[in-house]
C-alpha cells in the first residue's frame, strides 16, 4: 500500500467515524423531539379538556372555582440583569 493509499484510507476511516457519530447524535435528538411532541400533545389535550370544563359549568349555571389559576406566557427580550427582569415581572403580577 502506497502512502497515498494509506492517506486515503485514513481519511475514509475518519469520515466514517465522524458520520457515525453524527448519526448517533441525530438519532438522540430525534428521540428527544418525539418525546417533546408527545408531551406537548398530552399537555394540549389536557388543557383543551380543562378549557371545556368552565363552559360546561356555565351552561349548568354553576360558577367557576376561584382557585383555578391563569397561565400567562410572555416572551421578553430584555438586555438587563436577571434581578431587574425578575423585579419587572413581579411588578406586572400586581
N, C-alpha and C. Protein backbone atom coordinates (compact mmCIF):
# COMPACT_ATOMS: atom_id res chain seq x y z
N UNK A 1 0.84 -1.16 0.00
CA UNK A 1 0.00 0.00 0.00
C UNK A 1 0.90 1.24 0.00
N UNK A 2 0.63 2.13 -0.93
CA UNK A 2 1.45 3.34 -1.01
C UNK A 2 1.01 4.34 0.06
N UNK A 3 1.82 5.36 0.23
CA UNK A 3 1.48 6.37 1.25
C UNK A 3 0.21 7.13 0.87
N UNK A 4 -0.01 7.31 -0.43
CA UNK A 4 -1.23 7.99 -0.87
C UNK A 4 -2.46 7.15 -0.55
N UNK A 5 -2.37 5.84 -0.74
CA UNK A 5 -3.50 4.95 -0.44
C UNK A 5 -3.76 4.90 1.06
N UNK A 6 -2.68 4.91 1.85
CA UNK A 6 -2.84 4.91 3.31
C UNK A 6 -3.50 6.21 3.77
N UNK A 7 -3.13 7.31 3.14
CA UNK A 7 -3.73 8.60 3.48
C UNK A 7 -5.21 8.61 3.17
N UNK A 8 -5.58 8.05 2.02
CA UNK A 8 -7.00 7.97 1.65
C UNK A 8 -7.76 7.07 2.61
N UNK A 9 -7.14 5.94 2.96
CA UNK A 9 -7.80 5.02 3.89
C UNK A 9 -8.00 5.69 5.25
N UNK A 10 -7.01 6.43 5.71
CA UNK A 10 -7.14 7.13 6.99
C UNK A 10 -8.24 8.18 6.91
N UNK A 11 -8.28 8.90 5.81
CA UNK A 11 -9.31 9.91 5.63
C UNK A 11 -10.69 9.27 5.62
N UNK A 12 -10.83 8.15 4.91
CA UNK A 12 -12.12 7.46 4.86
C UNK A 12 -12.52 6.94 6.23
N UNK A 13 -11.55 6.42 7.00
CA UNK A 13 -11.85 5.97 8.36
C UNK A 13 -12.36 7.12 9.21
N UNK A 14 -11.68 8.27 9.11
CA UNK A 14 -12.10 9.44 9.87
C UNK A 14 -13.49 9.89 9.44
N UNK A 15 -13.74 9.91 8.14
CA UNK A 15 -15.04 10.31 7.62
C UNK A 15 -16.14 9.38 8.11
N UNK A 16 -15.89 8.09 8.07
CA UNK A 16 -16.88 7.11 8.51
C UNK A 16 -17.16 7.27 10.00
N UNK A 17 -16.12 7.45 10.79
CA UNK A 17 -16.30 7.62 12.23
C UNK A 17 -17.10 8.88 12.53
N UNK A 18 -16.77 9.96 11.84
CA UNK A 18 -17.48 11.22 12.06
C UNK A 18 -18.95 11.08 11.68
N UNK A 19 -19.23 10.47 10.55
CA UNK A 19 -20.62 10.29 10.12
C UNK A 19 -21.40 9.40 11.07
N UNK A 20 -20.74 8.39 11.63
CA UNK A 20 -21.42 7.52 12.59
C UNK A 20 -21.77 8.29 13.86
N UNK A 21 -20.88 9.16 14.32
CA UNK A 21 -21.16 9.98 15.50
C UNK A 21 -22.31 10.95 15.23
N UNK A 22 -22.30 11.54 14.04
CA UNK A 22 -23.40 12.45 13.68
C UNK A 22 -24.73 11.70 13.63
N UNK A 23 -24.71 10.50 13.11
CA UNK A 23 -25.94 9.70 13.05
C UNK A 23 -26.46 9.39 14.45
N UNK A 24 -25.55 9.03 15.37
CA UNK A 24 -25.96 8.77 16.75
C UNK A 24 -26.55 10.03 17.38
N UNK A 25 -25.90 11.17 17.16
CA UNK A 25 -26.41 12.43 17.71
C UNK A 25 -27.78 12.77 17.14
N UNK A 26 -27.93 12.58 15.83
CA UNK A 26 -29.23 12.86 15.20
C UNK A 26 -30.32 11.94 15.75
N UNK A 27 -30.00 10.66 15.93
CA UNK A 27 -30.98 9.74 16.49
C UNK A 27 -31.40 10.18 17.88
N UNK A 28 -30.43 10.59 18.68
CA UNK A 28 -30.73 11.06 20.03
C UNK A 28 -31.63 12.30 19.99
N UNK A 29 -31.30 13.24 19.11
CA UNK A 29 -32.10 14.46 19.00
C UNK A 29 -33.51 14.17 18.50
N UNK A 30 -33.64 13.26 17.57
CA UNK A 30 -34.97 12.91 17.05
C UNK A 30 -35.80 12.25 18.15
N UNK A 31 -35.19 11.39 18.96
CA UNK A 31 -35.92 10.77 20.06
C UNK A 31 -36.39 11.83 21.06
N UNK A 32 -35.53 12.80 21.37
CA UNK A 32 -35.91 13.86 22.30
C UNK A 32 -37.05 14.70 21.72
N UNK A 33 -36.99 14.99 20.43
CA UNK A 33 -38.07 15.74 19.79
C UNK A 33 -39.38 14.97 19.81
N UNK A 34 -39.32 13.67 19.60
CA UNK A 34 -40.53 12.86 19.66
C UNK A 34 -41.15 12.90 21.05
N UNK A 35 -40.31 12.79 22.09
CA UNK A 35 -40.83 12.86 23.46
C UNK A 35 -41.44 14.23 23.73
N UNK A 36 -40.77 15.29 23.27
CA UNK A 36 -41.31 16.64 23.46
C UNK A 36 -42.66 16.80 22.77
N UNK A 37 -42.75 16.30 21.55
CA UNK A 37 -44.02 16.39 20.81
C UNK A 37 -45.13 15.65 21.54
N UNK A 38 -44.81 14.47 22.06
CA UNK A 38 -45.81 13.72 22.81
C UNK A 38 -46.23 14.48 24.07
N UNK A 39 -45.25 15.07 24.76
CA UNK A 39 -45.58 15.85 25.96
C UNK A 39 -46.44 17.06 25.62
N UNK A 40 -46.10 17.76 24.54
CA UNK A 40 -46.89 18.91 24.13
C UNK A 40 -48.31 18.48 23.76
N UNK A 41 -48.41 17.37 23.05
CA UNK A 41 -49.73 16.89 22.65
C UNK A 41 -50.56 16.53 23.89
N UNK A 42 -49.95 15.85 24.85
CA UNK A 42 -50.67 15.49 26.07
C UNK A 42 -51.08 16.74 26.85
N UNK A 43 -50.18 17.71 26.91
CA UNK A 43 -50.48 18.96 27.60
C UNK A 43 -51.61 19.70 26.91
N UNK A 44 -51.56 19.75 25.59
CA UNK A 44 -52.60 20.43 24.82
C UNK A 44 -53.95 19.76 25.02
N UNK A 45 -53.95 18.44 24.96
CA UNK A 45 -55.21 17.71 25.14
C UNK A 45 -55.77 17.94 26.54
N UNK A 46 -54.88 17.94 27.53
CA UNK A 46 -55.32 18.20 28.91
C UNK A 46 -55.85 19.61 29.07
N UNK A 47 -55.17 20.57 28.44
CA UNK A 47 -55.60 21.96 28.54
C UNK A 47 -56.92 22.18 27.81
N UNK A 48 -57.08 21.55 26.66
CA UNK A 48 -58.34 21.74 25.93
C UNK A 48 -59.50 21.09 26.67
N UNK A 49 -59.23 19.99 27.37
CA UNK A 49 -60.29 19.35 28.15
C UNK A 49 -60.67 20.24 29.33
N UNK A 50 -59.67 20.86 29.96
CA UNK A 50 -59.96 21.75 31.09
C UNK A 50 -60.65 23.03 30.62
N UNK A 51 -60.33 23.48 29.42
CA UNK A 51 -60.96 24.69 28.89
C UNK A 51 -62.45 24.45 28.65
N UNK A 52 -62.81 23.24 28.33
CA UNK A 52 -64.22 22.93 28.09
C UNK A 52 -65.00 22.84 29.40
N UNK A 53 -64.32 22.52 30.50
CA UNK A 53 -65.00 22.37 31.78
C UNK A 53 -65.68 23.65 32.24
N UNK A 54 -65.03 24.82 32.22
CA UNK A 54 -65.73 26.04 32.64
C UNK A 54 -66.96 26.35 31.79
N UNK A 55 -66.88 26.07 30.50
CA UNK A 55 -68.03 26.32 29.63
C UNK A 55 -69.20 25.41 30.03
N UNK A 56 -68.87 24.17 30.37
CA UNK A 56 -69.92 23.24 30.81
C UNK A 56 -70.51 23.69 32.14
N UNK A 57 -69.65 24.23 33.01
CA UNK A 57 -70.15 24.73 34.30
C UNK A 57 -71.08 25.91 34.11
N UNK A 58 -70.73 26.81 33.19
CA UNK A 58 -71.58 27.97 32.94
C UNK A 58 -72.94 27.55 32.39
N UNK A 59 -72.93 26.53 31.51
CA UNK A 59 -74.19 26.06 30.94
C UNK A 59 -75.11 25.50 32.03
N UNK A 60 -74.49 24.86 33.02
CA UNK A 60 -75.26 24.28 34.10
C UNK A 60 -75.65 25.32 35.14
N UNK A 61 -75.13 26.53 35.01
CA UNK A 61 -75.44 27.58 35.97
C UNK A 61 -74.51 27.57 37.17
N UNK A 62 -73.47 26.74 37.13
CA UNK A 62 -72.52 26.68 38.24
C UNK A 62 -71.42 27.72 38.01
N UNK A 63 -70.74 28.07 39.07
CA UNK A 63 -69.66 29.04 38.96
C UNK A 63 -68.32 28.33 38.83
N UNK A 64 -67.37 29.05 38.28
CA UNK A 64 -66.02 28.52 38.13
C UNK A 64 -65.30 28.70 39.46
N UNK A 65 -64.66 27.64 39.95
CA UNK A 65 -63.95 27.75 41.22
C UNK A 65 -62.87 28.82 41.16
N UNK A 66 -62.78 29.69 42.19
CA UNK A 66 -61.81 30.78 42.16
C UNK A 66 -60.36 30.31 42.28
N UNK A 67 -60.13 29.06 42.71
CA UNK A 67 -58.76 28.61 42.88
C UNK A 67 -58.08 28.24 41.56
N UNK A 68 -58.81 28.27 40.47
CA UNK A 68 -58.18 27.99 39.19
C UNK A 68 -57.25 29.14 38.83
N UNK A 69 -56.04 28.79 38.48
CA UNK A 69 -55.05 29.78 38.12
C UNK A 69 -55.06 30.04 36.63
N UNK A 70 -54.64 31.22 36.28
CA UNK A 70 -54.50 31.59 34.88
C UNK A 70 -53.02 31.55 34.53
N UNK A 71 -52.70 30.91 33.44
CA UNK A 71 -51.32 30.84 32.99
C UNK A 71 -51.13 31.86 31.88
N UNK A 72 -50.12 32.69 32.04
CA UNK A 72 -49.81 33.69 31.03
C UNK A 72 -48.41 33.41 30.52
N UNK A 73 -48.28 33.32 29.22
CA UNK A 73 -46.98 33.09 28.60
C UNK A 73 -46.51 34.38 27.97
N UNK A 74 -45.33 34.79 28.33
CA UNK A 74 -44.77 36.01 27.75
C UNK A 74 -43.33 35.72 27.34
N UNK A 75 -42.98 36.21 26.21
CA UNK A 75 -41.60 36.11 25.76
C UNK A 75 -41.03 37.52 25.80
N UNK A 76 -40.02 37.71 26.64
CA UNK A 76 -39.44 39.03 26.82
C UNK A 76 -37.99 39.03 26.37
N UNK A 77 -37.63 40.04 25.63
CA UNK A 77 -36.24 40.23 25.26
C UNK A 77 -35.72 41.41 26.06
N UNK A 78 -35.03 41.10 27.11
CA UNK A 78 -34.52 42.16 27.97
C UNK A 78 -32.99 42.09 27.97
N UNK A 79 -32.41 43.21 27.85
CA UNK A 79 -30.95 43.25 27.95
C UNK A 79 -30.61 43.85 29.31
N UNK A 80 -31.09 43.16 30.33
CA UNK A 80 -30.90 43.61 31.70
C UNK A 80 -30.43 42.43 32.53
N UNK A 81 -30.03 42.73 33.73
CA UNK A 81 -29.65 41.68 34.67
C UNK A 81 -30.88 40.88 35.06
N UNK A 82 -30.67 39.65 35.48
CA UNK A 82 -31.76 38.78 35.87
C UNK A 82 -32.58 39.39 37.01
N UNK A 83 -31.90 39.99 37.99
CA UNK A 83 -32.61 40.58 39.13
C UNK A 83 -33.58 41.67 38.66
N UNK A 84 -33.15 42.48 37.72
CA UNK A 84 -34.02 43.54 37.21
C UNK A 84 -35.21 42.95 36.47
N UNK A 85 -34.95 41.91 35.67
CA UNK A 85 -36.03 41.26 34.92
C UNK A 85 -37.05 40.65 35.88
N UNK A 86 -36.58 40.05 36.96
CA UNK A 86 -37.49 39.47 37.95
C UNK A 86 -38.34 40.55 38.60
N UNK A 87 -37.74 41.70 38.91
CA UNK A 87 -38.50 42.80 39.51
C UNK A 87 -39.57 43.31 38.54
N UNK A 88 -39.22 43.39 37.26
CA UNK A 88 -40.19 43.83 36.25
C UNK A 88 -41.36 42.86 36.19
N UNK A 89 -41.06 41.58 36.16
CA UNK A 89 -42.12 40.57 36.09
C UNK A 89 -42.97 40.60 37.34
N UNK A 90 -42.34 40.75 38.50
CA UNK A 90 -43.10 40.84 39.74
C UNK A 90 -44.04 42.03 39.73
N UNK A 91 -43.56 43.16 39.18
CA UNK A 91 -44.42 44.33 39.14
C UNK A 91 -45.59 44.13 38.18
N UNK A 92 -45.41 43.31 37.14
CA UNK A 92 -46.50 43.03 36.23
C UNK A 92 -47.57 42.16 36.86
N UNK A 93 -47.18 41.35 37.84
CA UNK A 93 -48.15 40.49 38.51
C UNK A 93 -49.17 41.29 39.31
N UNK A 94 -48.74 42.44 39.82
CA UNK A 94 -49.60 43.24 40.71
C UNK A 94 -50.68 43.92 39.98
